[in-house]
N, C-alpha and C. Protein backbone atom coordinates (compact mmCIF):
# COMPACT_ATOMS: atom_id res chain seq x y z
N MET A 1 215.84 17.23 30.13
CA MET A 1 214.79 16.53 29.38
C MET A 1 214.68 17.10 27.96
N VAL A 2 214.72 18.43 27.85
CA VAL A 2 214.61 19.06 26.54
C VAL A 2 215.79 18.66 25.67
N SER A 3 217.01 18.69 26.25
CA SER A 3 218.20 18.34 25.49
C SER A 3 218.16 16.89 25.05
N GLU A 4 217.63 16.00 25.92
CA GLU A 4 217.52 14.60 25.56
C GLU A 4 216.54 14.42 24.40
N THR A 5 215.43 15.15 24.43
CA THR A 5 214.45 15.08 23.35
C THR A 5 215.06 15.54 22.03
N LYS A 6 215.84 16.62 22.08
CA LYS A 6 216.50 17.12 20.87
C LYS A 6 217.50 16.10 20.34
N ALA A 7 218.20 15.43 21.26
CA ALA A 7 219.18 14.43 20.85
C ALA A 7 218.50 13.26 20.16
N VAL A 8 217.37 12.83 20.70
CA VAL A 8 216.61 11.74 20.09
C VAL A 8 216.13 12.15 18.71
N ALA A 9 215.66 13.40 18.60
CA ALA A 9 215.17 13.90 17.31
C ALA A 9 216.31 13.95 16.28
N ARG A 10 217.50 14.36 16.73
CA ARG A 10 218.65 14.41 15.82
C ARG A 10 219.03 13.01 15.35
N ARG A 11 218.99 12.06 16.28
CA ARG A 11 219.33 10.68 15.92
C ARG A 11 218.32 10.12 14.92
N ARG A 12 217.05 10.43 15.17
CA ARG A 12 216.01 9.94 14.25
C ARG A 12 216.17 10.59 12.88
N LYS A 13 216.48 11.88 12.86
CA LYS A 13 216.66 12.58 11.59
C LYS A 13 217.84 12.01 10.81
N LEU A 14 218.93 11.70 11.51
CA LEU A 14 220.10 11.14 10.86
C LEU A 14 219.80 9.74 10.34
N ARG A 15 219.10 8.96 11.13
CA ARG A 15 218.77 7.60 10.68
C ARG A 15 217.88 7.65 9.44
N ASP A 16 216.88 8.52 9.45
CA ASP A 16 216.00 8.66 8.28
C ASP A 16 216.79 9.07 7.05
N ALA A 17 217.73 9.99 7.23
CA ALA A 17 218.55 10.45 6.10
C ALA A 17 219.42 9.31 5.58
N LEU A 18 219.93 8.48 6.47
CA LEU A 18 220.76 7.35 6.05
C LEU A 18 219.94 6.31 5.28
N VAL A 19 218.71 6.09 5.72
CA VAL A 19 217.85 5.14 5.01
C VAL A 19 217.57 5.63 3.59
N VAL A 20 217.25 6.91 3.48
CA VAL A 20 216.98 7.48 2.15
C VAL A 20 218.22 7.41 1.28
N ALA A 21 219.38 7.75 1.84
CA ALA A 21 220.62 7.69 1.08
C ALA A 21 220.94 6.26 0.66
N ALA A 22 220.71 5.32 1.56
CA ALA A 22 220.96 3.91 1.24
C ALA A 22 220.02 3.45 0.14
N GLU A 23 218.77 3.88 0.21
CA GLU A 23 217.80 3.51 -0.81
C GLU A 23 218.21 4.04 -2.19
N ARG A 24 218.66 5.27 -2.23
CA ARG A 24 219.07 5.87 -3.50
C ARG A 24 220.33 5.17 -4.04
N THR A 25 221.22 4.78 -3.13
CA THR A 25 222.43 4.08 -3.56
C THR A 25 222.08 2.73 -4.15
N ILE A 26 221.19 1.99 -3.49
CA ILE A 26 220.78 0.69 -4.00
C ILE A 26 220.07 0.85 -5.33
N GLU A 27 219.27 1.87 -5.46
CA GLU A 27 218.53 2.12 -6.70
C GLU A 27 219.49 2.37 -7.87
N SER A 28 220.59 3.03 -7.60
CA SER A 28 221.51 3.40 -8.68
C SER A 28 222.67 2.42 -8.84
N GLU A 29 223.10 1.79 -7.74
CA GLU A 29 224.31 0.97 -7.80
C GLU A 29 224.11 -0.47 -7.33
N GLY A 30 222.95 -0.77 -6.77
CA GLY A 30 222.73 -2.10 -6.22
C GLY A 30 223.33 -2.23 -4.83
N LEU A 31 223.20 -3.40 -4.23
CA LEU A 31 223.69 -3.62 -2.87
C LEU A 31 225.20 -3.44 -2.76
N ARG A 32 225.92 -3.78 -3.82
CA ARG A 32 227.37 -3.69 -3.76
C ARG A 32 227.86 -2.26 -3.60
N GLY A 33 227.04 -1.30 -3.97
CA GLY A 33 227.44 0.09 -3.87
C GLY A 33 227.27 0.68 -2.48
N LEU A 34 226.71 -0.11 -1.56
CA LEU A 34 226.42 0.41 -0.22
C LEU A 34 227.67 0.36 0.65
N LYS A 35 228.26 1.51 0.91
CA LYS A 35 229.48 1.63 1.72
C LYS A 35 229.28 2.71 2.77
N ALA A 36 229.77 2.46 3.95
CA ALA A 36 229.57 3.39 5.07
C ALA A 36 230.18 4.77 4.77
N ARG A 37 231.38 4.77 4.23
CA ARG A 37 232.04 6.06 4.00
C ARG A 37 231.26 6.91 2.99
N GLU A 38 230.80 6.27 1.92
CA GLU A 38 230.03 6.99 0.91
C GLU A 38 228.71 7.50 1.47
N LEU A 39 228.07 6.69 2.30
CA LEU A 39 226.82 7.13 2.93
C LEU A 39 227.06 8.33 3.83
N ALA A 40 228.14 8.28 4.60
CA ALA A 40 228.46 9.39 5.49
C ALA A 40 228.66 10.68 4.70
N THR A 41 229.33 10.57 3.57
CA THR A 41 229.54 11.75 2.72
C THR A 41 228.21 12.30 2.20
N LYS A 42 227.33 11.39 1.80
CA LYS A 42 226.06 11.82 1.22
C LYS A 42 225.16 12.53 2.23
N VAL A 43 225.19 12.10 3.48
CA VAL A 43 224.31 12.73 4.49
C VAL A 43 225.03 13.79 5.30
N GLY A 44 226.35 13.91 5.09
CA GLY A 44 227.10 14.95 5.79
C GLY A 44 227.39 14.66 7.24
N CYS A 45 227.81 13.44 7.54
CA CYS A 45 228.14 13.09 8.92
C CYS A 45 229.45 12.30 8.93
N ALA A 46 230.01 12.09 10.11
CA ALA A 46 231.20 11.26 10.25
C ALA A 46 230.80 9.79 10.12
N VAL A 47 231.74 8.95 9.67
CA VAL A 47 231.45 7.53 9.53
C VAL A 47 231.00 6.94 10.87
N GLY A 48 231.67 7.34 11.93
CA GLY A 48 231.33 6.82 13.25
C GLY A 48 229.92 7.17 13.69
N ALA A 49 229.42 8.31 13.21
CA ALA A 49 228.08 8.74 13.60
C ALA A 49 227.01 7.77 13.09
N ILE A 50 227.31 7.08 11.99
CA ILE A 50 226.35 6.11 11.44
C ILE A 50 226.02 5.05 12.49
N TYR A 51 227.07 4.60 13.19
CA TYR A 51 226.88 3.50 14.13
C TYR A 51 226.36 3.96 15.49
N ASN A 52 226.09 5.24 15.59
CA ASN A 52 225.37 5.74 16.76
C ASN A 52 223.87 5.62 16.58
N VAL A 53 223.42 5.45 15.31
CA VAL A 53 221.98 5.41 15.05
C VAL A 53 221.52 4.07 14.45
N VAL A 54 222.46 3.29 13.90
CA VAL A 54 222.13 1.94 13.42
C VAL A 54 223.23 0.99 13.88
N THR A 55 222.88 -0.27 14.03
CA THR A 55 223.85 -1.25 14.47
C THR A 55 224.94 -1.46 13.43
N ASP A 56 224.51 -1.59 12.17
CA ASP A 56 225.44 -1.82 11.06
C ASP A 56 224.69 -1.57 9.76
N LEU A 57 225.34 -1.81 8.63
CA LEU A 57 224.71 -1.61 7.33
C LEU A 57 223.57 -2.60 7.09
N GLU A 58 223.62 -3.74 7.75
CA GLU A 58 222.54 -4.72 7.63
C GLU A 58 221.20 -4.10 8.04
N GLU A 59 221.24 -3.32 9.10
CA GLU A 59 220.01 -2.67 9.58
C GLU A 59 219.47 -1.71 8.52
N LEU A 60 220.35 -1.01 7.84
CA LEU A 60 219.91 -0.10 6.78
C LEU A 60 219.33 -0.88 5.60
N ILE A 61 219.94 -2.01 5.26
CA ILE A 61 219.42 -2.81 4.15
C ILE A 61 218.02 -3.30 4.46
N TYR A 62 217.81 -3.78 5.67
CA TYR A 62 216.46 -4.23 6.05
C TYR A 62 215.46 -3.07 5.99
N ALA A 63 215.90 -1.90 6.42
CA ALA A 63 215.01 -0.73 6.40
C ALA A 63 214.64 -0.36 4.97
N VAL A 64 215.63 -0.40 4.06
CA VAL A 64 215.36 -0.08 2.66
C VAL A 64 214.45 -1.14 2.04
N ASN A 65 214.75 -2.40 2.29
CA ASN A 65 213.92 -3.48 1.73
C ASN A 65 212.50 -3.43 2.27
N ALA A 66 212.34 -3.03 3.51
CA ALA A 66 211.00 -2.89 4.08
C ALA A 66 210.24 -1.78 3.37
N ARG A 67 210.92 -0.69 3.05
CA ARG A 67 210.29 0.39 2.29
C ARG A 67 209.89 -0.09 0.90
N THR A 68 210.72 -0.94 0.31
CA THR A 68 210.40 -1.49 -1.01
C THR A 68 209.18 -2.39 -0.93
N LEU A 69 209.10 -3.22 0.10
CA LEU A 69 207.92 -4.08 0.28
C LEU A 69 206.67 -3.23 0.48
N ALA A 70 206.79 -2.13 1.22
CA ALA A 70 205.64 -1.24 1.43
C ALA A 70 205.22 -0.59 0.12
N SER A 71 206.20 -0.21 -0.70
CA SER A 71 205.88 0.37 -2.01
C SER A 71 205.21 -0.66 -2.91
N LEU A 72 205.68 -1.90 -2.85
CA LEU A 72 205.06 -2.96 -3.63
C LEU A 72 203.62 -3.19 -3.18
N GLU A 73 203.39 -3.19 -1.89
CA GLU A 73 202.03 -3.36 -1.38
C GLU A 73 201.13 -2.23 -1.84
N ALA A 74 201.65 -1.00 -1.82
CA ALA A 74 200.86 0.14 -2.29
C ALA A 74 200.55 0.01 -3.77
N ALA A 75 201.53 -0.49 -4.55
CA ALA A 75 201.30 -0.67 -5.98
C ALA A 75 200.23 -1.73 -6.23
N VAL A 76 200.23 -2.77 -5.41
CA VAL A 76 199.20 -3.81 -5.52
C VAL A 76 197.83 -3.23 -5.25
N ARG A 77 197.73 -2.44 -4.19
CA ARG A 77 196.43 -1.83 -3.86
C ARG A 77 195.98 -0.86 -4.94
N ASP A 78 196.92 -0.04 -5.42
CA ASP A 78 196.56 0.95 -6.44
C ASP A 78 196.11 0.31 -7.74
N SER A 79 196.62 -0.89 -8.02
CA SER A 79 196.25 -1.58 -9.26
C SER A 79 194.88 -2.24 -9.17
N GLY A 80 194.32 -2.25 -7.96
CA GLY A 80 193.04 -2.94 -7.76
C GLY A 80 193.21 -4.40 -7.43
N ALA A 81 194.46 -4.88 -7.38
CA ALA A 81 194.71 -6.29 -7.10
C ALA A 81 194.59 -6.62 -5.62
N GLY A 82 194.53 -5.60 -4.80
CA GLY A 82 194.46 -5.86 -3.37
C GLY A 82 193.05 -5.84 -2.82
N GLY A 83 192.04 -5.78 -3.69
CA GLY A 83 190.66 -5.73 -3.24
C GLY A 83 190.06 -7.11 -3.08
N GLY A 84 188.77 -7.16 -2.87
CA GLY A 84 188.08 -8.42 -2.71
C GLY A 84 187.90 -9.14 -4.03
N VAL A 85 187.61 -10.44 -3.92
CA VAL A 85 187.40 -11.26 -5.10
C VAL A 85 186.00 -11.00 -5.64
N GLU A 86 185.90 -10.81 -6.94
CA GLU A 86 184.62 -10.49 -7.57
C GLU A 86 183.62 -11.64 -7.42
N ALA A 87 182.56 -11.38 -6.70
CA ALA A 87 181.44 -12.32 -6.56
C ALA A 87 181.87 -13.69 -6.03
N ASP A 88 183.06 -13.75 -5.41
CA ASP A 88 183.55 -15.02 -4.86
C ASP A 88 183.45 -16.17 -5.87
N SER A 89 183.67 -15.88 -7.13
CA SER A 89 183.60 -16.91 -8.17
C SER A 89 185.00 -17.40 -8.52
N HIS A 90 185.06 -18.59 -9.13
CA HIS A 90 186.36 -19.10 -9.56
C HIS A 90 187.00 -18.17 -10.58
N ASP A 91 186.21 -17.70 -11.53
CA ASP A 91 186.74 -16.79 -12.55
C ASP A 91 187.24 -15.50 -11.92
N GLY A 92 186.48 -15.00 -10.96
CA GLY A 92 186.89 -13.77 -10.28
C GLY A 92 188.17 -13.96 -9.49
N ALA A 93 188.32 -15.13 -8.85
CA ALA A 93 189.52 -15.41 -8.07
C ALA A 93 190.74 -15.52 -8.98
N ILE A 94 190.57 -16.17 -10.12
CA ILE A 94 191.69 -16.30 -11.06
C ILE A 94 192.08 -14.94 -11.63
N LYS A 95 191.09 -14.11 -11.95
CA LYS A 95 191.38 -12.76 -12.43
C LYS A 95 192.14 -11.96 -11.38
N GLN A 96 191.77 -12.18 -10.12
CA GLN A 96 192.46 -11.49 -9.03
C GLN A 96 193.92 -11.93 -8.95
N LEU A 97 194.17 -13.21 -9.11
CA LEU A 97 195.54 -13.71 -9.11
C LEU A 97 196.34 -13.13 -10.28
N VAL A 98 195.70 -13.02 -11.43
CA VAL A 98 196.37 -12.43 -12.60
C VAL A 98 196.72 -10.98 -12.32
N ARG A 99 195.79 -10.22 -11.74
CA ARG A 99 196.06 -8.81 -11.43
C ARG A 99 197.24 -8.70 -10.45
N LEU A 100 197.27 -9.57 -9.46
CA LEU A 100 198.37 -9.57 -8.51
C LEU A 100 199.70 -9.83 -9.21
N ALA A 101 199.72 -10.84 -10.08
CA ALA A 101 200.94 -11.20 -10.79
C ALA A 101 201.43 -10.06 -11.68
N LEU A 102 200.51 -9.43 -12.38
CA LEU A 102 200.88 -8.33 -13.28
C LEU A 102 201.34 -7.10 -12.51
N ALA A 103 200.71 -6.85 -11.36
CA ALA A 103 201.14 -5.73 -10.53
C ALA A 103 202.56 -5.98 -10.02
N TYR A 104 202.84 -7.21 -9.65
CA TYR A 104 204.19 -7.58 -9.21
C TYR A 104 205.20 -7.40 -10.35
N MET A 105 204.84 -7.87 -11.53
CA MET A 105 205.73 -7.75 -12.69
C MET A 105 206.00 -6.29 -13.02
N ASP A 106 204.96 -5.46 -13.02
CA ASP A 106 205.11 -4.05 -13.35
C ASP A 106 206.00 -3.34 -12.32
N PHE A 107 205.85 -3.71 -11.05
CA PHE A 107 206.68 -3.10 -10.01
C PHE A 107 208.14 -3.49 -10.22
N ALA A 108 208.38 -4.77 -10.50
CA ALA A 108 209.75 -5.24 -10.71
C ALA A 108 210.39 -4.53 -11.90
N ALA A 109 209.62 -4.31 -12.96
CA ALA A 109 210.14 -3.65 -14.15
C ALA A 109 210.46 -2.18 -13.87
N ALA A 110 209.67 -1.56 -13.02
CA ALA A 110 209.85 -0.13 -12.74
C ALA A 110 210.91 0.14 -11.67
N HIS A 111 211.14 -0.82 -10.79
CA HIS A 111 212.06 -0.60 -9.66
C HIS A 111 213.05 -1.76 -9.55
N GLY A 112 213.67 -2.10 -10.68
CA GLY A 112 214.53 -3.27 -10.74
C GLY A 112 215.57 -3.40 -9.65
N PRO A 113 216.46 -2.42 -9.43
CA PRO A 113 217.51 -2.58 -8.42
C PRO A 113 216.97 -2.78 -7.01
N ARG A 114 215.98 -2.01 -6.62
CA ARG A 114 215.40 -2.18 -5.27
C ARG A 114 214.69 -3.52 -5.15
N TRP A 115 213.98 -3.92 -6.20
CA TRP A 115 213.30 -5.21 -6.20
C TRP A 115 214.30 -6.35 -6.09
N ARG A 116 215.39 -6.29 -6.84
CA ARG A 116 216.41 -7.34 -6.78
C ARG A 116 217.06 -7.41 -5.41
N ALA A 117 217.22 -6.26 -4.76
CA ALA A 117 217.89 -6.22 -3.45
C ALA A 117 217.15 -7.07 -2.42
N ILE A 118 215.84 -7.17 -2.54
CA ILE A 118 215.06 -7.98 -1.61
C ILE A 118 215.53 -9.43 -1.65
N PHE A 119 215.85 -9.92 -2.83
CA PHE A 119 216.20 -11.32 -3.00
C PHE A 119 217.71 -11.56 -2.98
N GLN A 120 218.48 -10.53 -3.30
CA GLN A 120 219.93 -10.68 -3.28
C GLN A 120 220.51 -10.62 -1.87
N HIS A 121 219.83 -9.90 -1.00
CA HIS A 121 220.37 -9.74 0.35
C HIS A 121 220.27 -11.03 1.15
N GLN A 122 221.38 -11.44 1.73
CA GLN A 122 221.42 -12.60 2.60
C GLN A 122 222.05 -12.18 3.93
N PRO A 123 221.38 -12.44 5.05
CA PRO A 123 221.98 -12.05 6.33
C PRO A 123 223.26 -12.82 6.59
N PRO A 124 224.19 -12.24 7.33
CA PRO A 124 225.44 -12.94 7.66
C PRO A 124 225.16 -14.25 8.39
N ALA A 125 226.10 -15.18 8.30
CA ALA A 125 225.94 -16.47 8.97
C ALA A 125 225.71 -16.27 10.46
N GLY A 126 224.73 -16.99 10.97
CA GLY A 126 224.42 -16.92 12.40
C GLY A 126 223.50 -15.79 12.79
N ARG A 127 223.10 -14.98 11.83
CA ARG A 127 222.21 -13.85 12.13
C ARG A 127 220.85 -14.11 11.50
N GLU A 128 219.82 -14.07 12.32
CA GLU A 128 218.47 -14.38 11.84
C GLU A 128 217.79 -13.13 11.29
N THR A 129 216.89 -13.36 10.34
CA THR A 129 216.09 -12.26 9.79
C THR A 129 215.14 -11.74 10.86
N PRO A 130 215.03 -10.43 11.04
CA PRO A 130 214.15 -9.87 12.07
C PRO A 130 212.69 -10.31 11.90
N ASP A 131 212.03 -10.56 13.01
CA ASP A 131 210.63 -11.00 12.96
C ASP A 131 209.74 -9.97 12.28
N TRP A 132 210.01 -8.68 12.52
CA TRP A 132 209.15 -7.65 11.93
C TRP A 132 209.26 -7.65 10.41
N TYR A 133 210.47 -8.00 9.89
CA TYR A 133 210.66 -8.02 8.45
C TYR A 133 209.95 -9.23 7.84
N ILE A 134 210.01 -10.35 8.52
CA ILE A 134 209.29 -11.54 8.07
C ILE A 134 207.79 -11.26 8.03
N ALA A 135 207.30 -10.53 9.04
CA ALA A 135 205.87 -10.18 9.09
C ALA A 135 205.48 -9.33 7.89
N ASP A 136 206.37 -8.41 7.48
CA ASP A 136 206.10 -7.59 6.28
C ASP A 136 205.97 -8.47 5.04
N GLN A 137 206.84 -9.47 4.92
CA GLN A 137 206.78 -10.38 3.78
C GLN A 137 205.49 -11.20 3.81
N MET A 138 205.14 -11.71 4.98
CA MET A 138 203.95 -12.55 5.09
C MET A 138 202.68 -11.78 4.79
N ARG A 139 202.67 -10.50 5.10
CA ARG A 139 201.48 -9.69 4.81
C ARG A 139 201.23 -9.63 3.31
N LEU A 140 202.30 -9.58 2.51
CA LEU A 140 202.13 -9.57 1.07
C LEU A 140 201.59 -10.91 0.56
N PHE A 141 202.03 -12.00 1.16
CA PHE A 141 201.52 -13.31 0.75
C PHE A 141 200.02 -13.44 1.04
N SER A 142 199.52 -12.69 2.02
CA SER A 142 198.10 -12.77 2.35
C SER A 142 197.23 -12.31 1.18
N TYR A 143 197.77 -11.43 0.32
CA TYR A 143 197.01 -10.99 -0.85
C TYR A 143 196.80 -12.15 -1.82
N VAL A 144 197.78 -13.04 -1.90
CA VAL A 144 197.66 -14.20 -2.77
C VAL A 144 196.72 -15.25 -2.16
N GLU A 145 196.79 -15.38 -0.85
CA GLU A 145 195.97 -16.39 -0.18
C GLU A 145 194.48 -16.05 -0.24
N GLN A 146 194.14 -14.77 -0.36
CA GLN A 146 192.73 -14.38 -0.37
C GLN A 146 191.95 -15.04 -1.51
N PRO A 147 192.37 -14.90 -2.78
CA PRO A 147 191.63 -15.59 -3.85
C PRO A 147 191.75 -17.11 -3.77
N LEU A 148 192.81 -17.60 -3.13
CA LEU A 148 192.95 -19.05 -3.00
C LEU A 148 191.89 -19.64 -2.07
N ARG A 149 191.33 -18.81 -1.20
CA ARG A 149 190.24 -19.29 -0.35
C ARG A 149 189.02 -19.64 -1.19
N VAL A 150 188.87 -18.96 -2.33
CA VAL A 150 187.76 -19.24 -3.24
C VAL A 150 188.08 -20.47 -4.10
N LEU A 151 189.32 -20.56 -4.56
CA LEU A 151 189.70 -21.67 -5.42
C LEU A 151 189.88 -22.97 -4.65
N LEU A 152 190.27 -22.85 -3.38
CA LEU A 152 190.51 -24.04 -2.55
C LEU A 152 189.73 -23.91 -1.25
N PRO A 153 188.40 -23.96 -1.32
CA PRO A 153 187.57 -23.71 -0.14
C PRO A 153 187.75 -24.73 0.98
N GLU A 154 188.15 -25.95 0.64
CA GLU A 154 188.29 -27.00 1.64
C GLU A 154 189.71 -27.11 2.17
N ALA A 155 190.63 -26.35 1.62
CA ALA A 155 192.03 -26.47 2.01
C ALA A 155 192.28 -25.83 3.37
N THR A 156 193.27 -26.36 4.07
CA THR A 156 193.68 -25.77 5.34
C THR A 156 194.46 -24.48 5.08
N GLY A 157 194.61 -23.68 6.12
CA GLY A 157 195.41 -22.46 5.97
C GLY A 157 196.84 -22.77 5.58
N GLU A 158 197.37 -23.86 6.12
CA GLU A 158 198.74 -24.25 5.78
C GLU A 158 198.85 -24.63 4.30
N ARG A 159 197.83 -25.34 3.79
CA ARG A 159 197.83 -25.73 2.38
C ARG A 159 197.75 -24.50 1.48
N ARG A 160 196.89 -23.54 1.82
CA ARG A 160 196.79 -22.32 1.02
C ARG A 160 198.10 -21.54 1.04
N ALA A 161 198.75 -21.50 2.20
CA ALA A 161 200.02 -20.79 2.31
C ALA A 161 201.07 -21.44 1.42
N THR A 162 201.08 -22.76 1.38
CA THR A 162 202.04 -23.47 0.53
C THR A 162 201.77 -23.20 -0.94
N VAL A 163 200.50 -23.24 -1.34
CA VAL A 163 200.14 -22.97 -2.73
C VAL A 163 200.49 -21.53 -3.09
N ALA A 164 200.26 -20.60 -2.18
CA ALA A 164 200.57 -19.19 -2.44
C ALA A 164 202.05 -19.01 -2.72
N ARG A 165 202.89 -19.70 -1.96
CA ARG A 165 204.33 -19.58 -2.16
C ARG A 165 204.76 -20.24 -3.47
N SER A 166 204.12 -21.35 -3.80
CA SER A 166 204.44 -22.02 -5.07
C SER A 166 204.04 -21.15 -6.26
N LEU A 167 202.87 -20.53 -6.15
CA LEU A 167 202.40 -19.66 -7.22
C LEU A 167 203.32 -18.45 -7.36
N PHE A 168 203.71 -17.88 -6.24
CA PHE A 168 204.63 -16.75 -6.29
C PHE A 168 205.95 -17.16 -6.94
N SER A 169 206.46 -18.34 -6.57
CA SER A 169 207.73 -18.79 -7.13
C SER A 169 207.66 -18.92 -8.65
N ALA A 170 206.53 -19.41 -9.15
CA ALA A 170 206.36 -19.55 -10.59
C ALA A 170 206.36 -18.19 -11.28
N VAL A 171 205.61 -17.25 -10.72
CA VAL A 171 205.54 -15.90 -11.30
C VAL A 171 206.89 -15.20 -11.18
N HIS A 172 207.49 -15.29 -10.01
CA HIS A 172 208.79 -14.64 -9.78
C HIS A 172 209.84 -15.16 -10.75
N GLY A 173 209.85 -16.47 -10.96
CA GLY A 173 210.81 -17.04 -11.89
C GLY A 173 210.63 -16.51 -13.29
N MET A 174 209.39 -16.39 -13.73
CA MET A 174 209.12 -15.85 -15.06
C MET A 174 209.55 -14.39 -15.16
N VAL A 175 209.29 -13.63 -14.12
CA VAL A 175 209.64 -12.21 -14.13
C VAL A 175 211.16 -12.05 -14.15
N VAL A 176 211.85 -12.85 -13.34
CA VAL A 176 213.32 -12.77 -13.31
C VAL A 176 213.90 -13.07 -14.69
N LEU A 177 213.45 -14.16 -15.30
CA LEU A 177 213.96 -14.52 -16.62
C LEU A 177 213.57 -13.50 -17.68
N GLY A 178 212.36 -12.95 -17.56
CA GLY A 178 211.90 -11.98 -18.54
C GLY A 178 212.61 -10.65 -18.47
N LEU A 179 213.05 -10.26 -17.26
CA LEU A 179 213.67 -8.95 -17.09
C LEU A 179 215.19 -9.02 -16.99
N GLU A 180 215.74 -10.23 -16.89
CA GLU A 180 217.18 -10.37 -16.73
C GLU A 180 217.91 -10.04 -18.03
N GLU A 181 218.73 -9.02 -17.96
CA GLU A 181 219.42 -8.56 -19.17
C GLU A 181 220.48 -9.54 -19.66
N LYS A 182 220.94 -10.45 -18.80
CA LYS A 182 221.96 -11.41 -19.24
C LYS A 182 221.36 -12.45 -20.18
N LEU A 183 220.04 -12.62 -20.09
CA LEU A 183 219.36 -13.51 -21.01
C LEU A 183 218.69 -12.66 -22.09
N GLN A 184 217.95 -13.30 -22.95
CA GLN A 184 217.23 -12.55 -23.97
C GLN A 184 216.10 -11.78 -23.32
N LEU A 185 216.15 -10.48 -23.40
CA LEU A 185 215.14 -9.64 -22.76
C LEU A 185 213.81 -9.81 -23.47
N ILE A 186 212.77 -10.12 -22.69
CA ILE A 186 211.44 -10.32 -23.26
C ILE A 186 210.68 -8.99 -23.19
N PRO A 187 210.10 -8.51 -24.28
CA PRO A 187 209.31 -7.27 -24.24
C PRO A 187 208.20 -7.40 -23.20
N LEU A 188 207.94 -6.31 -22.48
CA LEU A 188 206.96 -6.34 -21.40
C LEU A 188 205.57 -6.82 -21.86
N PRO A 189 205.06 -6.39 -23.02
CA PRO A 189 203.75 -6.90 -23.44
C PRO A 189 203.73 -8.42 -23.59
N VAL A 190 204.82 -8.97 -24.12
CA VAL A 190 204.90 -10.43 -24.27
C VAL A 190 204.99 -11.09 -22.90
N LEU A 191 205.78 -10.51 -22.01
CA LEU A 191 205.91 -11.07 -20.67
C LEU A 191 204.58 -11.03 -19.94
N ARG A 192 203.82 -9.96 -20.11
CA ARG A 192 202.49 -9.87 -19.48
C ARG A 192 201.59 -11.01 -19.99
N GLU A 193 201.66 -11.28 -21.27
CA GLU A 193 200.84 -12.36 -21.83
C GLU A 193 201.25 -13.71 -21.24
N GLN A 194 202.55 -13.94 -21.10
CA GLN A 194 203.04 -15.20 -20.59
C GLN A 194 202.71 -15.38 -19.11
N VAL A 195 202.84 -14.30 -18.35
CA VAL A 195 202.49 -14.36 -16.93
C VAL A 195 201.01 -14.64 -16.77
N THR A 196 200.19 -13.95 -17.55
CA THR A 196 198.74 -14.18 -17.50
C THR A 196 198.41 -15.62 -17.84
N LEU A 197 199.05 -16.15 -18.86
CA LEU A 197 198.80 -17.52 -19.30
C LEU A 197 199.12 -18.54 -18.21
N ILE A 198 200.28 -18.40 -17.57
CA ILE A 198 200.68 -19.37 -16.56
C ILE A 198 199.81 -19.28 -15.31
N VAL A 199 199.45 -18.05 -14.91
CA VAL A 199 198.61 -17.90 -13.71
C VAL A 199 197.21 -18.46 -13.97
N GLU A 200 196.66 -18.19 -15.14
CA GLU A 200 195.35 -18.75 -15.47
C GLU A 200 195.41 -20.28 -15.50
N ALA A 201 196.48 -20.83 -16.05
CA ALA A 201 196.61 -22.28 -16.12
C ALA A 201 196.69 -22.89 -14.72
N ILE A 202 197.46 -22.26 -13.84
CA ILE A 202 197.57 -22.75 -12.46
C ILE A 202 196.23 -22.63 -11.75
N GLY A 203 195.57 -21.47 -11.92
CA GLY A 203 194.27 -21.28 -11.28
C GLY A 203 193.25 -22.30 -11.72
N ASN A 204 193.15 -22.53 -13.03
CA ASN A 204 192.21 -23.52 -13.55
C ASN A 204 192.57 -24.93 -13.08
N GLY A 205 193.88 -25.19 -12.95
CA GLY A 205 194.30 -26.50 -12.45
C GLY A 205 193.90 -26.71 -11.00
N LEU A 206 193.98 -25.65 -10.20
CA LEU A 206 193.56 -25.75 -8.81
C LEU A 206 192.06 -26.03 -8.70
N VAL A 207 191.29 -25.37 -9.56
CA VAL A 207 189.84 -25.59 -9.57
C VAL A 207 189.53 -27.04 -9.95
N ALA A 208 190.22 -27.55 -10.96
CA ALA A 208 189.99 -28.92 -11.40
C ALA A 208 190.36 -29.91 -10.29
N ASP A 209 191.48 -29.66 -9.59
CA ASP A 209 191.88 -30.57 -8.52
C ASP A 209 190.90 -30.54 -7.35
N SER A 210 190.34 -29.36 -7.07
CA SER A 210 189.41 -29.25 -5.94
C SER A 210 188.09 -29.96 -6.21
N ARG A 211 187.80 -30.23 -7.49
CA ARG A 211 186.54 -30.87 -7.84
C ARG A 211 186.65 -32.40 -7.88
N LYS A 212 187.85 -32.91 -7.75
CA LYS A 212 188.05 -34.36 -7.81
C LYS A 212 187.51 -35.04 -6.56
């Protein structure tokens, strides 16, 4: 029993080390830099030992991306964007959406390679995304849906979820274009102004539509 417990602990320690090494590799080289042999060298194990603790590199990518989502959620909370809507007012809800958008933009600017990996990674054909990972993504969308309850009080949960995804897509597109070095790089202060402008416009548009 003791030896089995030690073996489990060693496997867990190796897996944790592989996740950290994979995260650092993605941070410095992107997803293309993730290779089993290089990871084995970095953590000091045989290549075969990797597959004793994870199914394949896909499992490591999901683990790293989940850590990135958790870091993004923490950044949202730390920015104050994850709190309640001020006085349940339309203005307060729109301000909350702006804070969320800016927190997302700031995180993307600070952690570009890890942030990009979330969207660049595609599971192999025939392999579905794990339910637990989808749940992590959906939890982040709940932060957007909260102020939408104020802006769209009569909307169904499905309608709010759809609007949340549309709003995210608009902000994400602006952030991608603003930070993409292949295009003209937009200074962060200017990008913040543009993100604020579009989110406020969408928020005010939702309020106007709800009053019709």
